[in-house]
Amino acid sequence: MKIGDLVKLDKIAYPQYRGKLGIIHSEWEFNHFADVQVTGPEDLKWAVMIDGRIHPYTINGKYIEVINENR
C-alpha cells in the first residue's frame, strides 16, 4: 500500500463508507516510532481521503483493501 492507491474500507468496521472509494493520503507519521513490531502494510495506519475529505482518524491497514495501485 502506498500513497495514491485507490482503496475501499472494510464495510463492517466503516459502514458509513460502504460502496465508496478512497485514496491513501499519507502514512501515519508515528508508525515508525511505535513499540509494536510492523511486519507489513496491514500493521501500519494510514490517512485516507474519501469524498474529498480526509477521515478524521488514522485507519489500520487491515481494514483497507487496495482496489488499484498507483504505480
N, C-alpha and C. Protein backbone atom coordinates (compact mmCIF):
# COMPACT_ATOMS: atom_id res chain seq x y z
N MET A 1 0.85 -1.16 0.00
CA MET A 1 0.00 0.00 0.00
C MET A 1 0.90 1.24 0.00
N LYS A 2 0.58 2.18 -0.89
CA LYS A 2 1.37 3.40 -0.98
C LYS A 2 0.44 4.59 -1.19
N ILE A 3 0.98 5.76 -0.96
CA ILE A 3 0.22 6.99 -1.15
C ILE A 3 -0.27 7.05 -2.60
N GLY A 4 -1.55 7.38 -2.76
CA GLY A 4 -2.15 7.48 -4.09
C GLY A 4 -2.94 6.26 -4.50
N ASP A 5 -2.82 5.15 -3.76
CA ASP A 5 -3.58 3.94 -4.09
C ASP A 5 -5.07 4.17 -3.89
N LEU A 6 -5.87 3.62 -4.78
CA LEU A 6 -7.33 3.65 -4.67
C LEU A 6 -7.75 2.50 -3.78
N VAL A 7 -8.57 2.80 -2.75
CA VAL A 7 -8.89 1.79 -1.75
C VAL A 7 -10.37 1.78 -1.39
N LYS A 8 -10.78 0.67 -0.77
CA LYS A 8 -12.10 0.51 -0.15
C LYS A 8 -11.85 0.18 1.31
N LEU A 9 -12.72 0.69 2.18
CA LEU A 9 -12.61 0.37 3.60
C LEU A 9 -13.54 -0.79 3.93
N ASP A 10 -13.18 -1.53 4.97
CA ASP A 10 -13.98 -2.65 5.44
C ASP A 10 -15.41 -2.19 5.74
N LYS A 11 -16.40 -2.87 5.14
CA LYS A 11 -17.79 -2.43 5.29
C LYS A 11 -18.37 -2.69 6.67
N ILE A 12 -17.76 -3.57 7.44
CA ILE A 12 -18.23 -3.81 8.81
C ILE A 12 -17.66 -2.76 9.76
N ALA A 13 -16.35 -2.51 9.66
CA ALA A 13 -15.70 -1.54 10.54
C ALA A 13 -16.07 -0.10 10.19
N TYR A 14 -16.34 0.18 8.91
CA TYR A 14 -16.65 1.53 8.45
C TYR A 14 -17.90 1.52 7.58
N PRO A 15 -19.07 1.23 8.17
CA PRO A 15 -20.30 1.12 7.37
C PRO A 15 -20.70 2.42 6.69
N GLN A 16 -20.28 3.54 7.22
CA GLN A 16 -20.63 4.83 6.62
C GLN A 16 -19.96 5.04 5.26
N TYR A 17 -18.94 4.25 4.95
CA TYR A 17 -18.25 4.36 3.67
C TYR A 17 -18.52 3.18 2.75
N ARG A 18 -19.55 2.41 3.04
CA ARG A 18 -19.90 1.26 2.21
C ARG A 18 -20.16 1.72 0.78
N GLY A 19 -19.51 1.07 -0.18
CA GLY A 19 -19.69 1.39 -1.59
C GLY A 19 -18.91 2.60 -2.08
N LYS A 20 -18.11 3.21 -1.22
CA LYS A 20 -17.34 4.39 -1.62
C LYS A 20 -15.86 4.02 -1.74
N LEU A 21 -15.18 4.74 -2.60
CA LEU A 21 -13.75 4.54 -2.79
C LEU A 21 -13.00 5.70 -2.15
N GLY A 22 -11.79 5.41 -1.73
CA GLY A 22 -10.95 6.43 -1.14
C GLY A 22 -9.55 6.36 -1.74
N ILE A 23 -8.72 7.31 -1.32
CA ILE A 23 -7.34 7.37 -1.78
C ILE A 23 -6.45 7.45 -0.54
N ILE A 24 -5.37 6.65 -0.56
CA ILE A 24 -4.41 6.74 0.53
C ILE A 24 -3.75 8.12 0.44
N HIS A 25 -3.90 8.91 1.49
CA HIS A 25 -3.38 10.27 1.51
C HIS A 25 -1.97 10.31 2.08
N SER A 26 -1.75 9.62 3.20
CA SER A 26 -0.43 9.61 3.81
C SER A 26 -0.33 8.47 4.82
N GLU A 27 0.90 8.12 5.13
CA GLU A 27 1.16 7.13 6.17
C GLU A 27 1.24 7.87 7.50
N TRP A 28 0.71 7.26 8.54
CA TRP A 28 0.75 7.90 9.85
C TRP A 28 2.19 8.07 10.27
N GLU A 29 2.58 9.29 10.62
CA GLU A 29 3.99 9.59 10.89
C GLU A 29 4.57 8.84 12.08
N PHE A 30 3.74 8.37 13.00
CA PHE A 30 4.25 7.69 14.18
C PHE A 30 4.37 6.18 14.01
N ASN A 31 4.05 5.65 12.83
CA ASN A 31 4.21 4.21 12.58
C ASN A 31 5.64 3.76 12.87
N HIS A 32 6.59 4.60 12.57
CA HIS A 32 7.99 4.21 12.69
C HIS A 32 8.53 4.36 14.12
N PHE A 33 7.75 5.01 14.99
CA PHE A 33 8.19 5.20 16.37
C PHE A 33 7.43 4.33 17.36
N ALA A 34 6.46 3.58 16.88
CA ALA A 34 5.63 2.75 17.76
C ALA A 34 6.42 1.57 18.31
N ASP A 35 6.01 1.11 19.48
CA ASP A 35 6.65 -0.05 20.09
C ASP A 35 6.17 -1.37 19.47
N VAL A 36 5.13 -1.31 18.65
CA VAL A 36 4.58 -2.50 18.02
C VAL A 36 5.44 -2.86 16.81
N GLN A 37 5.71 -4.13 16.65
CA GLN A 37 6.51 -4.58 15.51
C GLN A 37 5.67 -4.52 14.24
N VAL A 38 6.17 -3.82 13.25
CA VAL A 38 5.49 -3.68 11.97
C VAL A 38 6.06 -4.71 11.02
N THR A 39 5.22 -5.65 10.58
CA THR A 39 5.68 -6.71 9.68
C THR A 39 5.18 -6.54 8.25
N GLY A 40 4.18 -5.69 8.06
CA GLY A 40 3.62 -5.48 6.73
C GLY A 40 2.66 -4.32 6.73
N PRO A 41 2.10 -3.96 5.56
CA PRO A 41 1.21 -2.81 5.46
C PRO A 41 -0.06 -2.93 6.30
N GLU A 42 -0.45 -4.16 6.62
CA GLU A 42 -1.66 -4.34 7.44
C GLU A 42 -1.44 -3.88 8.88
N ASP A 43 -0.17 -3.72 9.28
CA ASP A 43 0.15 -3.26 10.63
C ASP A 43 0.28 -1.74 10.71
N LEU A 44 0.33 -1.07 9.56
CA LEU A 44 0.50 0.38 9.54
C LEU A 44 -0.85 1.08 9.62
N LYS A 45 -0.80 2.35 9.98
CA LYS A 45 -2.01 3.17 10.00
C LYS A 45 -1.87 4.22 8.91
N TRP A 46 -3.00 4.54 8.28
CA TRP A 46 -2.99 5.41 7.11
C TRP A 46 -4.05 6.50 7.23
N ALA A 47 -3.77 7.65 6.61
CA ALA A 47 -4.77 8.69 6.44
C ALA A 47 -5.41 8.44 5.08
N VAL A 48 -6.75 8.38 5.05
CA VAL A 48 -7.47 8.06 3.82
C VAL A 48 -8.43 9.20 3.49
N MET A 49 -8.43 9.62 2.21
CA MET A 49 -9.34 10.66 1.75
C MET A 49 -10.52 10.00 1.05
N ILE A 50 -11.74 10.34 1.51
CA ILE A 50 -12.97 9.82 0.91
C ILE A 50 -13.93 11.00 0.73
N ASP A 51 -14.54 11.08 -0.43
CA ASP A 51 -15.45 12.19 -0.75
C ASP A 51 -14.79 13.55 -0.58
N GLY A 52 -13.51 13.63 -0.93
CA GLY A 52 -12.80 14.91 -0.88
C GLY A 52 -12.41 15.36 0.52
N ARG A 53 -12.60 14.50 1.52
CA ARG A 53 -12.24 14.84 2.90
C ARG A 53 -11.39 13.73 3.50
N ILE A 54 -10.41 14.12 4.29
CA ILE A 54 -9.58 13.13 4.96
C ILE A 54 -10.33 12.64 6.19
N HIS A 55 -10.41 11.31 6.34
CA HIS A 55 -11.07 10.72 7.51
C HIS A 55 -10.38 11.28 8.75
N PRO A 56 -11.14 11.67 9.79
CA PRO A 56 -10.54 12.35 10.93
C PRO A 56 -9.58 11.51 11.77
N TYR A 57 -9.59 10.19 11.60
CA TYR A 57 -8.69 9.32 12.35
C TYR A 57 -7.90 8.45 11.39
N THR A 58 -6.76 7.97 11.84
CA THR A 58 -6.00 7.05 11.00
C THR A 58 -6.72 5.70 10.94
N ILE A 59 -6.50 4.99 9.86
CA ILE A 59 -7.17 3.71 9.64
C ILE A 59 -6.12 2.61 9.55
N ASN A 60 -6.33 1.57 10.32
CA ASN A 60 -5.41 0.43 10.33
C ASN A 60 -5.45 -0.26 8.97
N GLY A 61 -4.28 -0.65 8.48
CA GLY A 61 -4.16 -1.29 7.17
C GLY A 61 -4.99 -2.55 7.00
N LYS A 62 -5.30 -3.24 8.10
CA LYS A 62 -6.10 -4.47 7.97
C LYS A 62 -7.55 -4.19 7.57
N TYR A 63 -7.99 -2.94 7.67
CA TYR A 63 -9.35 -2.57 7.28
C TYR A 63 -9.40 -1.92 5.89
N ILE A 64 -8.27 -1.95 5.18
CA ILE A 64 -8.18 -1.31 3.87
C ILE A 64 -7.92 -2.35 2.80
N GLU A 65 -8.71 -2.28 1.73
CA GLU A 65 -8.50 -3.16 0.57
C GLU A 65 -8.06 -2.29 -0.61
N VAL A 66 -6.90 -2.61 -1.17
CA VAL A 66 -6.40 -1.85 -2.32
C VAL A 66 -7.16 -2.30 -3.56
N ILE A 67 -7.76 -1.33 -4.26
CA ILE A 67 -8.52 -1.60 -5.48
C ILE A 67 -7.63 -1.41 -6.71
N ASN A 68 -6.84 -0.34 -6.71
CA ASN A 68 -5.98 -0.04 -7.83
C ASN A 68 -4.71 0.62 -7.30
N GLU A 69 -3.57 0.03 -7.60
CA GLU A 69 -2.32 0.57 -7.11
C GLU A 69 -1.85 1.73 -7.98
N ASN A 70 -1.33 2.75 -7.35
CA ASN A 70 -0.79 3.92 -8.04
C ASN A 70 0.69 3.66 -8.32
N ARG A 71 0.99 2.98 -9.42
CA ARG A 71 2.38 2.65 -9.75
C ARG A 71 2.69 3.13 -11.14
